[in-house]
Structure formats: C-alpha cells, structure tokens
Amino acid sequence: MLHKSRIKIKNTLSEAKYILEHLWDSALQWPLLCLITVAALMVVAVPLPLYYQWVYGIFFYGIDAAD
C-alpha cells in the first residue's frame, strides 16, 4: 500500500516537473519569472506592517498631518 502511494507521488512529481520544464522553456519563461518574483516580494512585504508598525505609523501620520 505504502509502496503504491510512493510510486503515485513520484509519478505526479515527475509529471509536474515535466510541465514546469516545458513552461519554462516556452515563451512564458520571463512572464513566469516576473510573476514568481512579484509573488515572493508580496509574501515578504505583506507581513511587514505587523512587525514594523512604527514605520507605518510614521507614514500614515505624515499623510494625516498633511490633511
């Protein structure tokens, strides 16, 4: 049972690898690279206000002071 599931997982991973390699070699290489880069930046940047609230506090205080 475990052996069959391992084979199935291995086959699925090899199919996914083939699809990714095919996409990478196609014309989608640069748009995919840009999309992955933007997604990685968003993953890093979205939690920053939670950890560095003072930076956002200064930023929003500056906007409120201008009003």
C-alpha atoms as a PDB file:
ATOM      1  CA  MET A   1       0.000   0.000   0.000  1.00  0.00           C
ATOM      2  CA  LEU A   2       2.705   2.449   1.025  1.00  0.00           C
ATOM      3  CA  HIS A   3       4.827   1.413  -1.949  1.00  0.00           C
ATOM      4  CA  LYS A   4       1.972   2.127  -4.378  1.00  0.00           C
ATOM      5  CA  SER A   5       1.359   5.568  -2.884  1.00  0.00           C
ATOM      6  CA  ARG A   6       5.080   6.364  -3.128  1.00  0.00           C
ATOM      7  CA  ILE A   7       5.065   5.407  -6.811  1.00  0.00           C
ATOM      8  CA  LYS A   8       1.962   7.538  -7.379  1.00  0.00           C
ATOM      9  CA  ILE A   9       3.535  10.545  -5.635  1.00  0.00           C
ATOM     10  CA  LYS A  10       6.760  10.051  -7.593  1.00  0.00           C
ATOM     11  CA  ASN A  11       4.848   9.897 -10.897  1.00  0.00           C
ATOM     12  CA  THR A  12       2.861  13.022 -10.014  1.00  0.00           C
ATOM     13  CA  LEU A  13       6.043  14.894  -9.120  1.00  0.00           C
ATOM     14  CA  SER A  14       7.747  13.843 -12.347  1.00  0.00           C
ATOM     15  CA  GLU A  15       4.708  14.985 -14.349  1.00  0.00           C
ATOM     16  CA  ALA A  16       4.709  18.327 -12.537  1.00  0.00           C
ATOM     17  CA  LYS A  17       8.446  18.679 -13.187  1.00  0.00           C
ATOM     18  CA  TYR A  18       7.916  17.942 -16.886  1.00  0.00           C
ATOM     19  CA  ILE A  19       5.110  20.519 -17.118  1.00  0.00           C
ATOM     20  CA  LEU A  20       7.205  23.154 -15.320  1.00  0.00           C
ATOM     21  CA  GLU A  21      10.214  22.476 -17.552  1.00  0.00           C
ATOM     22  CA  HIS A  22       8.020  22.720 -20.643  1.00  0.00           C
ATOM     23  CA  LEU A  23       6.536  26.020 -19.449  1.00  0.00           C
ATOM     24  CA  TRP A  24       9.985  27.311 -18.551  1.00  0.00           C
ATOM     25  CA  ASP A  25      11.363  26.518 -22.000  1.00  0.00           C
ATOM     26  CA  SER A  26       8.420  28.151 -23.718  1.00  0.00           C
ATOM     27  CA  ALA A  27       7.745  31.850 -24.243  1.00  0.00           C
ATOM     28  CA  LEU A  28       6.292  32.060 -20.734  1.00  0.00           C
ATOM     29  CA  GLN A  29       9.747  31.977 -19.150  1.00  0.00           C
ATOM     30  CA  TRP A  30      10.130  35.705 -18.458  1.00  0.00           C
ATOM     31  CA  PRO A  31       6.497  36.455 -17.505  1.00  0.00           C
ATOM     32  CA  LEU A  32       6.563  33.477 -15.124  1.00  0.00           C
ATOM     33  CA  LEU A  33       9.846  34.654 -13.642  1.00  0.00           C
ATOM     34  CA  CYS A  34       8.399  38.141 -13.116  1.00  0.00           C
ATOM     35  CA  LEU A  35       5.221  36.688 -11.601  1.00  0.00           C
ATOM     36  CA  ILE A  36       7.203  34.484  -9.206  1.00  0.00           C
ATOM     37  CA  THR A  37       9.391  37.447  -8.222  1.00  0.00           C
ATOM     38  CA  VAL A  38       6.378  39.680  -7.566  1.00  0.00           C
ATOM     39  CA  ALA A  39       4.685  36.921  -5.561  1.00  0.00           C
ATOM     40  CA  ALA A  40       7.818  36.425  -3.456  1.00  0.00           C
ATOM     41  CA  LEU A  41       8.072  40.170  -2.808  1.00  0.00           C
ATOM     42  CA  MET A  42       4.410  40.280  -1.782  1.00  0.00           C
ATOM     43  CA  VAL A  43       4.882  37.350   0.606  1.00  0.00           C
ATOM     44  CA  VAL A  44       7.787  39.208   2.201  1.00  0.00           C
ATOM     45  CA  ALA A  45       6.180  42.672   2.191  1.00  0.00           C
ATOM     46  CA  VAL A  46       2.630  41.895   3.359  1.00  0.00           C
ATOM     47  CA  PRO A  47       3.539  40.913   6.969  1.00  0.00           C
ATOM     48  CA  LEU A  48       5.893  43.872   7.419  1.00  0.00           C
ATOM     49  CA  PRO A  49       3.220  46.203   8.879  1.00  0.00           C
ATOM     50  CA  LEU A  50       2.580  43.602  11.575  1.00  0.00           C
ATOM     51  CA  TYR A  51       6.224  43.576  12.622  1.00  0.00           C
ATOM     52  CA  TYR A  52       7.162  47.180  11.908  1.00  0.00           C
ATOM     53  CA  GLN A  53       4.058  49.125  12.855  1.00  0.00           C
ATOM     54  CA  TRP A  54       6.095  52.165  13.795  1.00  0.00           C
ATOM     55  CA  VAL A  55       7.190  52.604  10.169  1.00  0.00           C
ATOM     56  CA  TYR A  56       3.575  52.549   9.009  1.00  0.00           C
ATOM     57  CA  GLY A  57       2.596  54.776  11.930  1.00  0.00           C
ATOM     58  CA  ILE A  58       5.087  57.418  10.807  1.00  0.00           C
ATOM     59  CA  PHE A  59       3.941  57.003   7.199  1.00  0.00           C
ATOM     60  CA  PHE A  60       0.225  57.365   7.981  1.00  0.00           C
ATOM     61  CA  TYR A  61       0.895  60.143  10.485  1.00  0.00           C
ATOM     62  CA  GLY A  62       2.635  62.061   7.718  1.00  0.00           C
ATOM     63  CA  ILE A  63      -0.421  61.633   5.467  1.00  0.00           C
ATOM     64  CA  ASP A  64      -2.819  62.666   8.267  1.00  0.00           C
ATOM     65  CA  ALA A  65      -0.706  65.700   9.141  1.00  0.00           C
ATOM     66  CA  ALA A  66      -0.962  66.939   5.551  1.00  0.00           C
ATOM     67  CA  ASP A  67      -4.778  66.973   5.681  1.00  0.00           C
END
